[in-house]
Amino acid sequence: MTAPPEVRYALIGSPVAHSRSPALQLAAFSACGPPAVYEAIDVPVAGLGDAIARLRRDTYKGWNVTTPLKEAVIAHLDRLTQVAASDRAVNVVRREPDGSLTGHNTDGAGLVQALADVWSWEPRHKSALVLGSGPAARAIASALRMHGIGFLYCWSRNAAAAALIGPLPLSKDTAPMATDLESVDAARVVKVDLIVSALPADASLPAWIAAVADEHSSVFDLNYDADRSPVGGLRAARRSDGVPLLLHQGALSFAWWTGLPQPLDVMRSALGL
């Protein structure tokens, strides 16, 4: 009897050697089937076109997309879901029965799901500051709005990109010009319920950002297994690294690929949660 063809999935980005996604997804496929291979493939931006051609040729069923490819991959796909088009970013791709490729994004929904899981935290009528203005920050901001966040603010070194996500967490009547942002009076800073950092682990913050947090704030850093956190010095009632987001965006990816329920218990165990 001929063995069934190998079902293949992957993670693409650079670097990916540190990623826990293979362990996460292999646990899900092992528990729920069908049996599949999931591999991490290091793909820099310059090699993306060749990588997508290989993934198409070798009939991979789907793949996750991480830094720095979440925007660049769009040009190589046949269509986007409404969520991915709105976020202008893709973190998961699915091969359709006709061989075409659809891009989707589970970062935003994954963050909302993670907040509910670890803290029973719901966005409705609350306030949040998103740090960063890249693909993950946009997806998270969009999902928080969709789930009824009351006030959404954003800070990034790229002031123009941040302004497209949300205003600075400053009193409207005292908001400074962009050139004054390194020396903001803490009294002008608005307190928020949630701070989400989508910054690189080695990023630095202006001193005034610390004033957004107090002993009631929740701090969520998308980085995991990092030597430092850009928000490690902020006051907080509770804090989390990015592993719960990895879990939930990965579970949503698995469900979108397969049509099966999210095997959260199995995937949580694979991450040691």
Protein backbone atom coordinates (compact mmCIF):
# COMPACT_ATOMS: atom_id res chain seq x y z
CA MET A 1 0.00 0.00 0.00
CA THR A 2 1.32 3.44 -0.93
CA ALA A 3 1.90 5.76 2.03
CA PRO A 4 -0.19 8.93 2.01
CA PRO A 5 1.68 12.05 0.92
CA GLU A 6 3.38 13.98 3.70
CA VAL A 7 1.38 16.98 4.93
CA ARG A 8 3.76 19.89 5.41
CA TYR A 9 3.52 23.17 7.28
CA ALA A 10 6.18 25.71 8.21
CA LEU A 11 7.20 28.92 9.90
CA ILE A 12 9.07 31.47 7.77
CA GLY A 13 10.97 34.54 8.94
CA SER A 14 14.41 35.46 10.23
CA PRO A 15 15.64 34.55 12.74
CA VAL A 16 13.49 31.52 13.56
CA ALA A 17 15.88 29.12 15.29
CA HIS A 18 14.62 30.27 18.71
CA SER A 19 10.94 29.83 17.87
CA ARG A 20 8.70 27.51 19.88
CA SER A 21 6.17 27.33 17.03
CA PRO A 22 7.35 23.93 15.75
CA ALA A 23 6.85 22.31 19.16
CA LEU A 24 3.48 24.03 19.50
CA GLN A 25 2.08 23.01 16.13
CA LEU A 26 3.54 19.50 16.09
CA ALA A 27 1.81 18.84 19.41
CA ALA A 28 -1.49 19.99 17.92
CA PHE A 29 -1.14 17.87 14.78
CA SER A 30 -0.04 14.84 16.80
CA ALA A 31 -3.08 15.12 19.05
CA CYS A 32 -5.71 15.97 16.45
CA GLY A 33 -4.35 14.77 13.13
CA PRO A 34 -3.79 14.54 10.36
CA PRO A 35 -0.10 13.73 11.00
CA ALA A 36 2.03 16.55 9.65
CA VAL A 37 5.52 17.97 9.48
CA TYR A 38 6.07 21.53 10.72
CA GLU A 39 9.48 23.12 10.21
CA ALA A 40 11.10 26.49 10.85
CA ILE A 41 12.67 27.91 7.68
CA ASP A 42 14.96 30.92 7.95
CA VAL A 43 13.89 33.34 5.21
CA PRO A 44 15.27 36.90 4.98
CA VAL A 45 13.33 39.52 3.04
CA ALA A 46 15.68 39.20 0.07
CA GLY A 47 14.90 35.48 -0.21
CA LEU A 48 11.14 35.69 0.20
CA GLY A 49 10.20 35.32 -3.46
CA ASP A 50 12.25 32.15 -3.87
CA ALA A 51 10.90 30.78 -0.58
CA ILE A 52 7.26 31.28 -1.58
CA ALA A 53 7.94 29.66 -4.94
CA ARG A 54 9.41 26.64 -3.12
CA LEU A 55 6.48 26.45 -0.70
CA ARG A 56 4.06 26.52 -3.63
CA ARG A 57 6.05 23.94 -5.61
CA ASP A 58 6.45 21.58 -2.65
CA THR A 59 2.71 21.85 -1.86
CA TYR A 60 3.00 23.03 1.73
CA LYS A 61 -0.52 23.21 3.14
CA GLY A 62 0.17 26.37 5.13
CA TRP A 63 2.74 28.37 7.03
CA ASN A 64 3.10 30.95 9.73
CA VAL A 65 4.88 34.21 8.98
CA THR A 66 7.01 36.12 11.46
CA THR A 67 9.40 39.08 11.48
CA PRO A 68 10.46 40.59 9.10
CA LEU A 69 8.05 39.18 6.50
CA LYS A 70 4.54 40.04 7.71
CA GLU A 71 4.12 42.92 5.26
CA ALA A 72 6.43 41.79 2.45
CA VAL A 73 4.64 38.45 2.05
CA ILE A 74 1.41 40.16 0.94
CA ALA A 75 2.74 40.78 -2.57
CA HIS A 76 3.27 37.02 -3.05
CA LEU A 77 -0.27 35.92 -2.11
CA ASP A 78 -3.42 35.57 -4.18
CA ARG A 79 -5.84 37.07 -1.65
CA LEU A 80 -6.18 38.32 1.92
CA THR A 81 -8.91 37.83 4.46
CA GLN A 82 -10.70 40.96 5.60
CA VAL A 83 -8.71 40.91 8.85
CA ALA A 84 -5.34 40.73 7.11
CA ALA A 85 -6.31 43.43 4.63
CA SER A 86 -7.36 45.73 7.47
CA ASP A 87 -4.17 45.01 9.45
CA ARG A 88 -2.01 45.31 6.32
CA ALA A 89 -0.11 42.32 7.68
CA VAL A 90 -0.15 38.52 7.45
CA ASN A 91 1.05 36.00 10.03
CA VAL A 92 -0.49 32.85 8.55
CA VAL A 93 -0.97 31.55 4.99
CA ARG A 94 -3.24 28.73 3.78
CA ARG A 95 -3.12 26.83 0.52
CA GLU A 96 -6.65 26.55 -0.87
CA PRO A 97 -7.95 23.46 -2.73
CA ASP A 98 -7.26 25.18 -6.08
CA GLY A 99 -3.64 25.83 -5.08
CA SER A 100 -4.04 29.55 -4.48
CA LEU A 101 -2.70 31.19 -1.34
CA THR A 102 -4.76 33.15 1.20
CA GLY A 103 -3.19 35.35 3.87
CA HIS A 104 -4.76 35.88 7.27
CA ASN A 105 -3.75 37.42 10.62
CA THR A 106 -4.30 35.88 14.05
CA ASP A 107 -2.06 38.21 16.08
CA GLY A 108 -4.86 40.54 17.15
CA ALA A 109 -7.44 37.89 17.96
CA GLY A 110 -4.69 35.87 19.63
CA LEU A 111 -3.80 38.75 21.95
CA VAL A 112 -7.44 39.29 22.94
CA GLN A 113 -7.83 35.55 23.56
CA ALA A 114 -4.57 35.49 25.57
CA LEU A 115 -5.65 38.40 27.79
CA ALA A 116 -8.91 36.63 28.56
CA ASP A 117 -7.05 33.39 29.27
CA VAL A 118 -4.30 34.63 31.60
CA TRP A 119 -6.11 37.52 33.34
CA SER A 120 -9.81 37.22 32.45
CA TRP A 121 -9.24 40.69 30.93
CA GLU A 122 -11.80 42.11 28.53
CA PRO A 123 -11.12 45.25 26.43
CA ARG A 124 -14.62 46.74 26.57
CA HIS A 125 -14.67 50.26 28.06
CA LYS A 126 -11.04 50.02 29.20
CA SER A 127 -7.92 51.90 28.07
CA ALA A 128 -4.75 50.59 26.45
CA LEU A 129 -1.41 51.85 25.20
CA VAL A 130 0.21 49.97 22.32
CA LEU A 131 3.97 50.45 22.09
CA GLY A 132 5.24 50.07 18.55
CA SER A 133 3.73 50.71 15.13
CA GLY A 134 4.69 47.65 13.10
CA PRO A 135 2.54 44.77 11.81
CA ALA A 136 1.87 43.18 15.22
CA ALA A 137 1.01 46.54 16.79
CA ARG A 138 -1.48 47.32 14.02
CA ALA A 139 -3.14 43.92 14.31
CA ILE A 140 -3.43 44.20 18.08
CA ALA A 141 -4.84 47.72 17.95
CA SER A 142 -7.42 46.66 15.37
CA ALA A 143 -8.54 43.69 17.49
CA LEU A 144 -8.78 45.78 20.67
CA ARG A 145 -11.02 48.26 18.83
CA MET A 146 -13.15 45.43 17.47
CA HIS A 147 -13.66 44.20 21.03
CA GLY A 148 -14.78 47.57 22.35
CA ILE A 149 -11.70 49.17 23.87
CA GLY A 150 -12.71 52.53 25.31
CA PHE A 151 -9.47 54.47 24.72
CA LEU A 152 -6.57 53.32 22.57
CA TYR A 153 -3.24 55.14 22.53
CA CYS A 154 0.02 54.44 20.70
CA TRP A 155 3.66 55.41 21.00
CA SER A 156 6.47 54.57 18.61
CA ARG A 157 9.76 56.09 17.49
CA ASN A 158 7.99 56.35 14.13
CA ALA A 159 5.59 59.10 15.17
CA ALA A 160 3.74 59.20 11.85
CA ALA A 161 3.04 55.46 11.88
CA ALA A 162 2.00 55.58 15.55
CA ALA A 163 -0.45 58.40 14.84
CA LEU A 164 -2.28 56.13 12.38
CA ILE A 165 -2.90 53.66 15.21
CA GLY A 166 -3.83 56.05 17.99
CA PRO A 167 -2.92 59.31 19.74
CA LEU A 168 -0.22 59.67 22.36
CA PRO A 169 -1.36 59.01 25.95
CA LEU A 170 -1.34 62.71 26.79
CA SER A 171 -3.95 65.24 27.87
CA LYS A 172 -5.47 66.70 24.73
CA ASP A 173 -5.08 70.28 25.86
CA THR A 174 -1.37 69.84 26.57
CA ALA A 175 -0.21 67.46 23.84
CA PRO A 176 3.32 68.48 22.77
CA MET A 177 4.78 68.80 19.32
CA ALA A 178 6.71 65.73 18.11
CA THR A 179 10.00 67.53 18.72
CA ASP A 180 9.19 67.81 22.46
CA LEU A 181 8.43 64.16 23.09
CA GLU A 182 11.57 63.30 25.03
CA SER A 183 10.77 65.76 27.82
CA VAL A 184 7.06 65.41 28.57
CA ASP A 185 5.84 66.45 32.01
CA ALA A 186 4.53 63.32 33.76
CA ALA A 187 1.49 65.30 34.92
CA ARG A 188 0.33 65.44 31.30
CA VAL A 189 0.38 61.66 30.86
CA VAL A 190 -2.86 59.65 30.83
CA LYS A 191 -2.97 56.47 32.96
CA VAL A 192 -4.04 53.30 31.14
CA ASP A 193 -5.35 49.88 32.17
CA LEU A 194 -3.20 47.88 29.74
CA ILE A 195 0.21 48.38 28.15
CA VAL A 196 1.08 46.09 25.24
CA SER A 197 4.65 46.22 23.97
CA ALA A 198 5.20 45.19 20.36
CA LEU A 199 8.75 46.60 20.50
CA PRO A 200 11.99 44.66 20.01
CA ALA A 201 13.44 43.33 23.26
CA ASP A 202 16.35 45.78 23.09
CA ALA A 203 14.20 48.87 22.47
CA SER A 204 14.30 51.82 24.84
CA LEU A 205 11.44 54.06 25.96
CA PRO A 206 11.39 57.77 26.75
CA ALA A 207 11.30 58.30 30.51
CA TRP A 208 7.82 59.84 30.49
CA ILE A 209 6.20 56.60 29.25
CA ALA A 210 6.61 55.18 32.78
CA ALA A 211 3.91 57.57 33.98
CA VAL A 212 1.19 55.70 32.01
CA ALA A 213 1.42 52.74 34.39
CA ASP A 214 0.55 52.42 38.05
CA GLU A 215 -0.08 49.65 40.57
CA HIS A 216 -3.35 48.78 38.78
CA SER A 217 -1.94 48.41 35.26
CA SER A 218 -1.40 45.19 33.32
CA VAL A 219 1.74 44.93 31.16
CA PHE A 220 2.03 42.47 28.27
CA ASP A 221 5.31 42.13 26.33
CA LEU A 222 5.10 40.25 23.04
CA ASN A 223 8.72 39.10 23.39
CA TYR A 224 9.50 35.76 25.01
CA ASP A 225 12.73 34.01 25.97
CA ALA A 226 14.43 37.41 25.75
CA ASP A 227 17.24 38.72 27.96
CA ARG A 228 15.38 41.94 28.68
CA SER A 229 12.01 43.61 28.23
CA PRO A 230 11.51 47.21 27.13
CA VAL A 231 8.64 47.43 29.63
CA GLY A 232 10.34 45.58 32.47
CA GLY A 233 10.70 48.77 34.50
CA LEU A 234 7.05 49.84 34.33
CA ARG A 235 4.87 49.58 37.42
CA ALA A 236 2.25 46.87 37.11
CA ALA A 237 -0.25 44.81 39.04
CA ARG A 238 0.58 41.90 36.75
CA ARG A 239 2.70 41.24 33.70
CA SER A 240 3.18 38.60 31.03
CA ASP A 241 5.66 37.78 28.33
CA GLY A 242 4.56 36.76 24.84
CA VAL A 243 4.15 33.02 25.35
CA PRO A 244 0.35 33.23 25.90
CA LEU A 245 0.07 35.15 22.62
CA LEU A 246 2.20 32.52 20.87
CA LEU A 247 -0.20 29.89 22.18
CA HIS A 248 -3.38 31.58 21.08
CA GLN A 249 -2.30 32.94 17.70
CA GLY A 250 -0.89 29.47 16.98
CA ALA A 251 -4.11 27.76 18.04
CA LEU A 252 -6.11 30.10 15.83
CA SER A 253 -3.74 29.35 12.93
CA PHE A 254 -4.18 25.60 13.45
CA ALA A 255 -7.97 25.92 13.47
CA TRP A 256 -7.93 28.10 10.33
CA TRP A 257 -5.74 25.61 8.46
CA THR A 258 -7.58 22.45 9.48
CA GLY A 259 -11.14 23.41 10.37
CA LEU A 260 -10.65 21.56 13.67
CA PRO A 261 -11.26 22.96 17.17
CA GLN A 262 -8.31 24.64 18.86
CA PRO A 263 -6.50 21.95 20.94
CA LEU A 264 -5.54 24.46 23.61
CA ASP A 265 -4.77 22.01 26.40
CA VAL A 266 -2.31 20.06 24.25
CA MET A 267 -0.69 23.20 22.88
CA ARG A 268 -0.51 24.79 26.33
CA SER A 269 1.28 21.72 27.62
CA ALA A 270 3.77 21.87 24.74
CA LEU A 271 4.75 25.37 25.89
CA GLY A 272 4.96 24.43 29.55
CA LEU A 273 1.98 26.59 30.52
